[in-house]
Amino acid sequence: HGRICMLGCLGFWVQEAVHLPLPGFDAKLPLDAFFTVPTSGLWQIFFTLGGIEVLSNGGKITPGDMFADGRSPGDINFDPLNLGGDDAAVRRFELAELKHSRLAMIGLGGLVHQEILTKQATLELLKS
């Protein structure tokens, strides 16, 4: 949930600042933009992400199955920069990610509620 919220916070700000020059991409507020996506597009995203989740877990889809082989949650063996060579560094990065994830979960909730209450984009509200 934390990684998704980190991407969600980034998505909120990018949506406010960058607009593609095509019809349907001109929504100023991120929540308005979400509700302009056709239902079939949302289902496409849902099934694509679900497929990635099933494939990355080797077909194991329940918490009891996913971690039966000793893998810890969040560990998908992706370390292209070899940052996990030192155990102390790995623990430090895990703690930093956990702290950032918790902050992002609170922050995304704040972004959503601020937009619902004020009907203004976050970056626009900060400028005023």
Foldseek 3Di string as FASTA:
>chain_A
DLVVLVVVVVVQVCLQVDFDPDPLRPDNGPVVSVVSDDPVVVVVVVVVVVVVVCVLQVNDDDPVNSCPVPDDPPCSPDDPPPQPPDVVSVVVVVVVSVVSSVVSVVVSVVQVVVCVVPVDRPVVVVVD
